[in-house]
């Protein structure tokens, strides 16, 4: 095994799920520029798009996340063809 390949500067970091606001603390070496106060203590914060509290596999709920308007683009492009098939 190689020696001295793992970082030594682990610190507590707040990971924040941006879809539901859930915050959890864990030790990490991730580089962050922002901070957030959790339980009266200021921690560096790393923002996540999805975590186990919002992922459909863990929550058991299916949720359509359309951040880039993909459904609207599809309907604009192919919506007329879909209506013609129904007739």
N, C-alpha and C. Protein backbone atom coordinates (compact mmCIF):
# COMPACT_ATOMS: atom_id res chain seq x y z
N UNK A 1 0.82 -1.17 0.00
CA UNK A 1 0.00 0.00 0.00
C UNK A 1 0.87 1.24 0.00
N UNK A 2 0.47 2.27 -0.75
CA UNK A 2 1.25 3.51 -0.81
C UNK A 2 1.08 4.29 0.49
N UNK A 3 2.15 4.90 0.93
CA UNK A 3 2.11 5.70 2.15
C UNK A 3 1.91 7.17 1.80
N UNK A 4 1.28 7.88 2.73
CA UNK A 4 1.09 9.34 2.64
C UNK A 4 0.32 9.78 1.40
N UNK A 5 -0.68 9.02 0.98
CA UNK A 5 -1.50 9.45 -0.16
C UNK A 5 -2.83 10.06 0.29
N UNK A 6 -3.19 9.87 1.55
CA UNK A 6 -4.45 10.41 2.05
C UNK A 6 -4.21 11.74 2.74
N UNK A 7 -5.14 12.70 2.56
CA UNK A 7 -4.98 14.00 3.21
C UNK A 7 -5.06 13.89 4.73
N UNK A 8 -4.41 14.79 5.41
CA UNK A 8 -4.38 14.77 6.87
C UNK A 8 -5.27 15.85 7.49
N UNK A 9 -5.71 16.82 6.72
CA UNK A 9 -6.46 17.97 7.26
C UNK A 9 -7.97 17.76 7.20
N UNK A 10 -8.49 16.76 7.85
CA UNK A 10 -9.94 16.55 7.93
C UNK A 10 -10.53 17.54 8.93
N UNK A 11 -11.70 18.10 8.58
CA UNK A 11 -12.40 19.02 9.49
C UNK A 11 -13.89 18.79 9.33
N UNK A 12 -14.68 19.27 10.27
CA UNK A 12 -16.13 19.14 10.17
C UNK A 12 -16.64 20.09 9.10
N UNK A 13 -17.45 19.55 8.20
CA UNK A 13 -18.04 20.31 7.10
C UNK A 13 -19.54 20.05 7.11
N UNK A 14 -20.33 21.11 6.91
CA UNK A 14 -21.78 20.98 6.79
C UNK A 14 -22.13 20.75 5.33
N UNK A 15 -22.79 19.63 5.04
CA UNK A 15 -23.27 19.34 3.70
C UNK A 15 -24.76 19.68 3.67
N UNK A 16 -25.17 20.54 2.73
CA UNK A 16 -26.55 21.02 2.68
C UNK A 16 -27.22 20.56 1.39
N UNK A 17 -28.33 19.84 1.54
CA UNK A 17 -29.14 19.40 0.41
C UNK A 17 -29.98 20.59 -0.04
N UNK A 18 -29.74 21.11 -1.22
CA UNK A 18 -30.42 22.31 -1.69
C UNK A 18 -31.88 22.06 -2.09
N UNK A 19 -32.26 20.81 -2.32
CA UNK A 19 -33.64 20.54 -2.71
C UNK A 19 -34.61 20.56 -1.53
N UNK A 20 -34.12 20.26 -0.31
CA UNK A 20 -35.03 20.29 0.84
C UNK A 20 -34.44 20.98 2.06
N UNK A 21 -33.21 21.49 1.98
CA UNK A 21 -32.62 22.25 3.09
C UNK A 21 -32.02 21.42 4.20
N UNK A 22 -32.00 20.11 4.07
CA UNK A 22 -31.44 19.23 5.11
C UNK A 22 -29.93 19.45 5.20
N UNK A 23 -29.41 19.58 6.42
CA UNK A 23 -27.98 19.79 6.65
C UNK A 23 -27.46 18.68 7.55
N UNK A 24 -26.30 18.11 7.18
CA UNK A 24 -25.66 17.13 8.04
C UNK A 24 -24.16 17.43 8.11
N UNK A 25 -23.57 17.09 9.23
CA UNK A 25 -22.15 17.34 9.47
C UNK A 25 -21.36 16.06 9.33
N UNK A 26 -20.20 16.17 8.72
CA UNK A 26 -19.27 15.05 8.63
C UNK A 26 -17.87 15.59 8.41
N UNK A 27 -16.90 14.75 8.67
CA UNK A 27 -15.51 15.16 8.46
C UNK A 27 -15.17 15.05 6.99
N UNK A 28 -14.48 16.07 6.45
CA UNK A 28 -14.16 16.07 5.04
C UNK A 28 -12.97 16.99 4.78
N UNK A 29 -12.38 16.85 3.61
CA UNK A 29 -11.31 17.75 3.17
C UNK A 29 -11.78 18.60 1.99
N UNK A 30 -13.07 18.57 1.67
CA UNK A 30 -13.60 19.31 0.53
C UNK A 30 -13.31 20.80 0.70
N UNK A 31 -12.95 21.46 -0.41
CA UNK A 31 -12.63 22.89 -0.39
C UNK A 31 -13.92 23.69 -0.54
N UNK A 32 -14.20 24.59 0.40
CA UNK A 32 -15.42 25.40 0.36
C UNK A 32 -15.08 26.86 0.58
N UNK A 33 -15.94 27.73 0.06
CA UNK A 33 -15.76 29.17 0.25
C UNK A 33 -16.84 29.77 1.14
N UNK A 34 -17.97 29.06 1.29
CA UNK A 34 -19.09 29.56 2.07
C UNK A 34 -19.13 28.90 3.43
N UNK A 35 -19.80 29.57 4.38
CA UNK A 35 -19.97 29.01 5.71
C UNK A 35 -21.45 29.09 6.09
N UNK A 36 -21.82 28.29 7.08
CA UNK A 36 -23.20 28.29 7.58
C UNK A 36 -23.17 27.96 9.06
N UNK A 37 -24.09 28.57 9.81
CA UNK A 37 -24.17 28.33 11.24
C UNK A 37 -25.12 27.16 11.49
N UNK A 38 -24.62 26.14 12.16
CA UNK A 38 -25.41 24.96 12.52
C UNK A 38 -25.29 24.79 14.02
N UNK A 39 -26.41 24.82 14.71
CA UNK A 39 -26.45 24.68 16.18
C UNK A 39 -25.53 25.69 16.87
N UNK A 40 -25.49 26.91 16.35
CA UNK A 40 -24.71 27.98 16.97
C UNK A 40 -23.23 27.96 16.65
N UNK A 41 -22.78 27.04 15.82
CA UNK A 41 -21.37 26.95 15.45
C UNK A 41 -21.26 27.15 13.94
N UNK A 42 -20.27 27.92 13.51
CA UNK A 42 -20.08 28.19 12.09
C UNK A 42 -19.18 27.11 11.46
N UNK A 43 -19.68 26.51 10.37
CA UNK A 43 -18.95 25.46 9.66
C UNK A 43 -18.83 25.84 8.18
N UNK A 44 -17.79 25.36 7.50
CA UNK A 44 -17.78 25.50 6.05
C UNK A 44 -18.92 24.65 5.48
N UNK A 45 -19.58 25.13 4.44
CA UNK A 45 -20.74 24.43 3.89
C UNK A 45 -20.46 24.03 2.44
N UNK A 46 -20.88 22.81 2.09
CA UNK A 46 -20.81 22.30 0.73
C UNK A 46 -22.23 21.98 0.30
N UNK A 47 -22.65 22.57 -0.82
CA UNK A 47 -24.04 22.43 -1.27
C UNK A 47 -24.18 21.23 -2.21
N UNK A 48 -25.18 20.39 -1.92
CA UNK A 48 -25.48 19.20 -2.71
C UNK A 48 -26.78 19.40 -3.46
N UNK A 49 -26.90 18.81 -4.62
CA UNK A 49 -28.16 18.84 -5.36
C UNK A 49 -29.15 17.83 -4.79
N UNK A 50 -28.63 16.70 -4.33
CA UNK A 50 -29.51 15.64 -3.84
C UNK A 50 -28.76 14.83 -2.79
N UNK A 51 -29.48 14.35 -1.79
CA UNK A 51 -28.87 13.51 -0.76
C UNK A 51 -29.84 12.38 -0.44
N UNK A 52 -29.53 11.61 0.58
CA UNK A 52 -30.41 10.49 0.93
C UNK A 52 -31.76 10.96 1.45
N UNK A 53 -31.89 12.21 1.90
CA UNK A 53 -33.18 12.71 2.38
C UNK A 53 -34.09 13.19 1.26
N UNK A 54 -33.55 13.32 0.04
CA UNK A 54 -34.38 13.78 -1.07
C UNK A 54 -34.37 12.84 -2.27
N UNK A 55 -33.50 11.84 -2.28
CA UNK A 55 -33.42 10.92 -3.41
C UNK A 55 -34.62 9.96 -3.39
N UNK A 56 -35.28 9.79 -4.54
CA UNK A 56 -36.48 8.93 -4.58
C UNK A 56 -36.23 7.49 -4.12
N UNK A 57 -35.05 6.96 -4.32
CA UNK A 57 -34.76 5.59 -3.89
C UNK A 57 -34.88 5.46 -2.38
N UNK A 58 -34.40 6.46 -1.64
CA UNK A 58 -34.42 6.41 -0.18
C UNK A 58 -35.74 6.90 0.41
N UNK A 59 -36.40 7.83 -0.27
CA UNK A 59 -37.65 8.38 0.27
C UNK A 59 -38.86 7.56 -0.13
N UNK A 60 -38.77 6.79 -1.21
CA UNK A 60 -39.90 6.02 -1.69
C UNK A 60 -40.89 6.85 -2.48
N UNK A 61 -40.56 8.08 -2.75
CA UNK A 61 -41.44 8.97 -3.51
C UNK A 61 -40.77 9.29 -4.84
N UNK A 62 -41.56 9.26 -5.90
CA UNK A 62 -41.02 9.67 -7.19
C UNK A 62 -41.32 11.14 -7.39
N UNK A 63 -40.34 11.84 -7.92
CA UNK A 63 -40.49 13.28 -8.09
C UNK A 63 -39.82 13.67 -9.39
N UNK A 64 -40.53 14.44 -10.22
CA UNK A 64 -39.98 14.91 -11.47
C UNK A 64 -39.23 16.21 -11.22
N UNK A 65 -37.93 16.18 -11.49
CA UNK A 65 -37.11 17.38 -11.33
C UNK A 65 -36.75 17.85 -12.73
N UNK A 66 -37.30 18.98 -13.11
CA UNK A 66 -37.08 19.52 -14.45
C UNK A 66 -36.37 20.85 -14.31
N UNK A 67 -35.08 20.81 -14.08
CA UNK A 67 -34.34 22.05 -13.83
C UNK A 67 -34.01 22.79 -15.10
N UNK A 68 -33.90 22.12 -16.21
CA UNK A 68 -33.48 22.79 -17.44
C UNK A 68 -34.64 22.96 -18.43
N UNK A 69 -35.88 22.69 -18.02
CA UNK A 69 -37.02 22.83 -18.91
C UNK A 69 -37.05 21.76 -19.99
N UNK A 70 -36.53 20.59 -19.69
CA UNK A 70 -36.44 19.53 -20.70
C UNK A 70 -37.82 19.05 -21.14
N UNK A 71 -38.75 18.97 -20.19
CA UNK A 71 -40.10 18.51 -20.55
C UNK A 71 -40.76 19.52 -21.47
N UNK A 72 -40.60 20.81 -21.17
CA UNK A 72 -41.18 21.84 -22.03
C UNK A 72 -40.55 21.82 -23.42
N UNK A 73 -39.24 21.63 -23.49
CA UNK A 73 -38.58 21.55 -24.79
C UNK A 73 -39.11 20.37 -25.59
N UNK A 74 -39.29 19.23 -24.91
CA UNK A 74 -39.80 18.04 -25.58
C UNK A 74 -41.22 18.30 -26.11
N UNK A 75 -42.06 18.88 -25.27
CA UNK A 75 -43.45 19.11 -25.67
C UNK A 75 -43.53 20.13 -26.81
N UNK A 76 -42.66 21.15 -26.79
CA UNK A 76 -42.66 22.11 -27.88
C UNK A 76 -42.21 21.46 -29.19
N UNK A 77 -41.27 20.57 -29.09
CA UNK A 77 -40.71 19.95 -30.28
C UNK A 77 -41.62 18.84 -30.83
N UNK A 78 -42.14 18.01 -29.94
CA UNK A 78 -42.88 16.82 -30.37
C UNK A 78 -44.34 16.81 -29.96
N UNK A 79 -44.82 17.86 -29.33
CA UNK A 79 -46.20 17.90 -28.86
C UNK A 79 -47.22 17.79 -29.98
N UNK A 80 -46.93 18.43 -31.11
CA UNK A 80 -47.86 18.37 -32.25
C UNK A 80 -47.97 16.95 -32.79
N UNK A 81 -46.86 16.23 -32.83
CA UNK A 81 -46.87 14.86 -33.30
C UNK A 81 -47.68 13.97 -32.34
N UNK A 82 -47.59 14.26 -31.06
CA UNK A 82 -48.33 13.47 -30.07
C UNK A 82 -49.83 13.69 -30.24
N UNK A 83 -50.24 14.95 -30.54
CA UNK A 83 -51.67 15.24 -30.72
C UNK A 83 -52.21 14.55 -31.97
N UNK A 84 -51.39 14.48 -33.02
CA UNK A 84 -51.81 13.84 -34.26
C UNK A 84 -52.01 12.33 -34.08
N UNK A 85 -51.24 11.72 -33.19
CA UNK A 85 -51.35 10.28 -32.94
C UNK A 85 -52.64 9.95 -32.19
N UNK A 86 -53.10 10.91 -31.36
CA UNK A 86 -54.32 10.68 -30.58
C UNK A 86 -55.57 10.69 -31.45
N UNK A 87 -55.50 11.37 -32.59
CA UNK A 87 -56.69 11.49 -33.47
C UNK A 87 -56.93 10.28 -34.28
